[in-house]
Structure formats: structure tokens, C-alpha cells
Amino acid sequence: MSQESLDDLKYELELKNAEIDELTMELQNKLEEINKLKLYSTKLKYEKKNLEDKLDTKIDYDKSRMKELDDLTEKLREKDSIIDDKQDQVKYLRSLIDDYKEQLRANTENLELQLRKISKTYEKLLEQKDIIIQKQDEEISNLIKSKEEIIKSNKTNVISLKLQNEKYQEIIDKFTKTN
């Protein structure tokens, strides 16, 4: 081998060494980049784990909230049912009140009608009473007149009887004296 070829080989070897150094440096850079990526990957895994934990916590919280909402919804349904029942009761009581009002109105009208009838009957009775009193007054007046006439007639009869009695007494006296 010649010097030239040896120099070429040395040169080539130096080139290859330079290339190896360059590749080594490139490899070193790649290793550093891989290490950075590994660190970044670890960081992402840790963040992913944290996010998964947060998500699980959030899911559990949301499930809990959903359960609470379901419970509240059920309570609202129960309250709505109670409110509906109360409204039905109120409607029923209102219908009873309306019925009572109607009965009261009908009773009031009936009582007013009966009161009017009673008033008319009472007025007729008062008129009849007045007529009866008037007739009684007339009869009393007639009886008084009749009594007065009877008294006059009796007085006249008594006087007449006294006179007759006196006459008979005179006659009896005459007969008793003569005999």
C-alpha cells in the first residue's frame, strides 16, 4: 500500500471518524431528545392520571348530583301529587260550599216565600179578627140595646104586674073584708 492510499485511508478514516463523531453527537442529541420526550411522556402520564382521577371524582360527584336530582325529582313528584290531592280537596270543598250556598239561597227564598205567605195569612187573620171584633161589637151593641129594651120591657112588666098585683090585692082585700 502506498502512502497515498494510506493517506486516503487515513483521510477516509478521519472522515468516517468525523462522521461517527457527528452521528454520535446526533445520537447524543437524539438521546437527549428521547430523554426529554420520556420526561414529557411521564409528565403527560402523570397529568393523564391526575385528569383521570379528577374525571372519576367529577363523575362520582356528577353521579351523586344526579342521584340528588333524582331524589329531588321524586320528592317534587310526591309534592306535586300532594298538591294535586289538595287541589282536588279544595275543588271538592268549593263544590260543597257552592252546594251549601245554593241550598242556603233556596232555603232563604223558600223561607221568604213562606214568610210572605205567613204575612198574608196574618194580615187576613188580622182582617178577620177586626171583622169578628166589629161583629162582636155590633152584637154587644145589639145585646145592650136588646137588654135595655128587655129592661124597659121588664120595668114596664114589673110596673104592670105591680099595678095588677095592687088591683088583685085590692080585690082580695075587698073579698076578704066582705066575707
Protein backbone atom coordinates (compact mmCIF):
# COMPACT_ATOMS: atom_id res chain seq x y z
CA MET A 1 0.00 0.00 0.00
CA SER A 2 1.14 3.23 -0.82
CA GLN A 3 1.42 6.34 1.09
CA GLU A 4 -1.25 7.93 -0.93
CA SER A 5 -3.59 5.14 -0.38
CA LEU A 6 -2.70 5.15 3.27
CA ASP A 7 -3.35 8.88 3.39
CA ASP A 8 -6.57 8.30 1.56
CA LEU A 9 -7.45 5.64 4.05
CA LYS A 10 -6.47 7.93 6.94
CA TYR A 11 -8.41 10.69 5.36
CA GLU A 12 -11.30 8.39 4.85
CA LEU A 13 -10.89 7.14 8.39
CA GLU A 14 -10.86 10.70 9.67
CA LEU A 15 -13.94 11.37 7.59
CA LYS A 16 -15.51 8.27 8.97
CA ASN A 17 -14.44 9.26 12.49
CA ALA A 18 -15.80 12.74 11.90
CA GLU A 19 -18.94 11.14 10.55
CA ILE A 20 -19.04 8.83 13.60
CA ASP A 21 -18.50 11.86 15.89
CA GLU A 22 -21.21 13.69 14.02
CA LEU A 23 -23.50 10.66 14.25
CA THR A 24 -22.51 10.23 17.93
CA MET A 25 -23.39 13.87 18.53
CA GLU A 26 -26.58 13.40 16.59
CA LEU A 27 -27.22 10.23 18.58
CA GLN A 28 -26.46 12.16 21.78
CA ASN A 29 -28.94 14.85 20.69
CA LYS A 30 -31.47 12.17 19.84
CA LEU A 31 -30.88 10.51 23.23
CA GLU A 32 -31.35 13.87 24.94
CA GLU A 33 -34.48 14.42 22.87
CA ILE A 34 -35.65 10.88 23.74
CA ASN A 35 -34.98 11.60 27.43
CA LYS A 36 -36.88 14.88 27.14
CA LEU A 37 -39.70 13.02 25.39
CA LYS A 38 -39.62 10.32 28.08
CA LEU A 39 -39.81 13.02 30.74
CA TYR A 40 -42.62 14.72 28.81
CA SER A 41 -44.34 11.35 28.36
CA THR A 42 -44.03 10.68 32.12
CA LYS A 43 -45.35 14.15 32.82
CA LEU A 44 -48.26 13.51 30.40
CA LYS A 45 -48.91 10.13 32.03
CA TYR A 46 -48.96 11.80 35.45
CA GLU A 47 -51.24 14.56 34.16
CA LYS A 48 -53.39 11.92 32.45
CA LYS A 49 -53.62 10.03 35.76
CA ASN A 50 -54.50 13.26 37.58
CA LEU A 51 -57.10 14.10 34.95
CA GLU A 52 -58.50 10.57 35.13
CA ASP A 53 -58.68 10.88 38.92
CA LYS A 54 -60.31 14.28 38.59
CA LEU A 55 -62.65 12.89 35.95
CA ASP A 56 -63.50 9.93 38.19
CA THR A 57 -64.07 12.35 41.06
CA LYS A 58 -66.15 14.57 38.79
CA ILE A 59 -68.08 11.53 37.52
CA ASP A 60 -68.68 10.37 41.09
CA TYR A 61 -69.72 13.91 42.03
CA ASP A 62 -71.97 14.14 38.97
CA LYS A 63 -73.44 10.71 39.78
CA SER A 64 -74.04 11.91 43.32
CA ARG A 65 -75.61 15.12 42.00
CA MET A 66 -77.71 13.10 39.54
CA LYS A 67 -78.88 10.90 42.43
CA GLU A 68 -79.70 14.01 44.43
CA LEU A 69 -81.54 15.43 41.44
CA ASP A 70 -83.40 12.13 41.01
CA ASP A 71 -84.29 12.20 44.71
CA LEU A 72 -85.40 15.82 44.41
CA THR A 73 -87.38 14.99 41.28
CA GLU A 74 -89.08 12.15 43.15
CA LYS A 75 -89.80 14.47 46.07
CA LEU A 76 -91.17 17.04 43.63
CA ARG A 77 -93.41 14.36 42.11
CA GLU A 78 -94.61 13.46 45.59
CA LYS A 79 -95.19 17.15 46.40
CA ASP A 80 -96.98 17.60 43.06
CA SER A 81 -99.13 14.60 43.90
CA ILE A 82 -99.87 16.07 47.34
CA ILE A 83 -100.62 19.46 45.75
CA ASP A 84 -102.92 17.76 43.22
CA ASP A 85 -104.67 15.95 46.06
CA LYS A 86 -105.00 19.23 47.98
CA GLN A 87 -106.32 20.96 44.87
CA ASP A 88 -108.84 18.16 44.41
CA GLN A 89 -109.83 18.56 48.06
CA VAL A 90 -110.14 22.33 47.59
CA LYS A 91 -112.27 21.77 44.46
CA TYR A 92 -114.44 19.29 46.38
CA LEU A 93 -114.78 21.70 49.32
CA ARG A 94 -115.58 24.56 46.94
CA SER A 95 -118.26 22.42 45.31
CA LEU A 96 -119.64 21.65 48.79
CA ILE A 97 -119.58 25.34 49.65
CA ASP A 98 -121.30 26.15 46.36
CA ASP A 99 -123.89 23.45 47.09
CA TYR A 100 -124.38 24.84 50.61
CA LYS A 101 -124.67 28.35 49.20
CA GLU A 102 -127.25 27.10 46.69
CA GLN A 103 -129.15 25.28 49.43
CA LEU A 104 -128.94 28.36 51.65
CA ARG A 105 -130.19 30.55 48.80
CA ALA A 106 -133.01 28.08 48.07
CA ASN A 107 -133.84 27.85 51.78
CA THR A 108 -133.75 31.65 52.07
CA GLU A 109 -136.04 32.00 49.06
CA ASN A 110 -138.32 29.32 50.49
CA LEU A 111 -138.34 30.99 53.90
CA GLU A 112 -139.01 34.37 52.32
CA LEU A 113 -141.90 32.83 50.35
CA GLN A 114 -143.24 31.17 53.49
CA LEU A 115 -142.80 34.44 55.41
CA ARG A 116 -144.75 36.27 52.71
CA LYS A 117 -147.47 33.61 52.89
CA ILE A 118 -147.48 33.82 56.68
CA SER A 119 -147.60 37.62 56.45
CA LYS A 120 -150.55 37.44 54.05
CA THR A 121 -152.24 34.86 56.27
CA TYR A 122 -151.51 37.02 59.31
CA GLU A 123 -152.94 40.06 57.54
CA LYS A 124 -156.05 38.05 56.61
CA LEU A 125 -156.31 36.81 60.18
CA LEU A 126 -155.98 40.39 61.42
CA GLU A 127 -158.70 41.42 58.99
CA GLN A 128 -160.85 38.51 60.14
CA LYS A 129 -160.12 39.44 63.77
CA ASP A 130 -161.11 43.03 63.02
CA ILE A 131 -164.28 41.78 61.30
CA ILE A 132 -165.01 39.43 64.23
CA ILE A 133 -164.37 42.24 66.72
CA GLN A 134 -166.57 44.54 64.68
CA LYS A 135 -169.31 41.87 64.55
CA GLN A 136 -168.88 41.22 68.27
CA ASP A 137 -169.06 44.96 68.92
CA GLU A 138 -172.23 45.07 66.83
CA GLU A 139 -173.65 42.05 68.64
CA ILE A 140 -172.65 43.52 72.00
CA SER A 141 -174.26 46.77 70.96
CA ASN A 142 -177.34 44.84 69.79
CA LEU A 143 -177.33 42.82 73.01
CA ILE A 144 -177.03 46.02 75.06
CA LYS A 145 -179.92 47.52 73.10
CA SER A 146 -181.84 44.29 73.49
CA LYS A 147 -181.00 44.24 77.21
CA GLU A 148 -182.09 47.83 77.56
CA GLU A 149 -185.30 47.04 75.73
CA ILE A 150 -185.77 43.95 77.91
CA ILE A 151 -185.06 46.06 80.99
CA LYS A 152 -187.55 48.63 79.78
CA SER A 153 -189.98 45.87 78.94
CA ASN A 154 -189.32 44.25 82.32
CA LYS A 155 -189.79 47.57 84.08
CA THR A 156 -192.98 48.02 82.21
CA ASN A 157 -193.99 44.45 83.06
CA VAL A 158 -192.94 44.92 86.67
CA ILE A 159 -194.93 48.12 86.87
CA SER A 160 -197.80 46.42 85.12
CA LEU A 161 -197.51 43.45 87.45
CA LYS A 162 -197.32 45.77 90.48
CA LEU A 163 -200.37 47.50 89.29
CA GLN A 164 -202.08 44.20 88.62
CA ASN A 165 -200.87 42.94 91.97
CA GLU A 166 -202.24 46.02 93.64
CA LYS A 167 -205.51 45.54 91.84
CA TYR A 168 -205.61 41.91 92.82
CA GLN A 169 -204.69 42.87 96.32
CA GLU A 170 -207.49 45.37 96.35
CA ILE A 171 -209.81 42.74 95.00
CA ILE A 172 -208.56 40.21 97.57
CA ASP A 173 -208.84 42.87 100.24
CA LYS A 174 -212.38 43.60 99.08
CA PHE A 175 -213.28 39.98 99.15
CA THR A 176 -211.69 39.37 102.50
CA LYS A 177 -213.45 42.38 104.03
CA THR A 178 -216.76 41.43 102.68
CA ASN A 179 -216.58 37.94 103.82
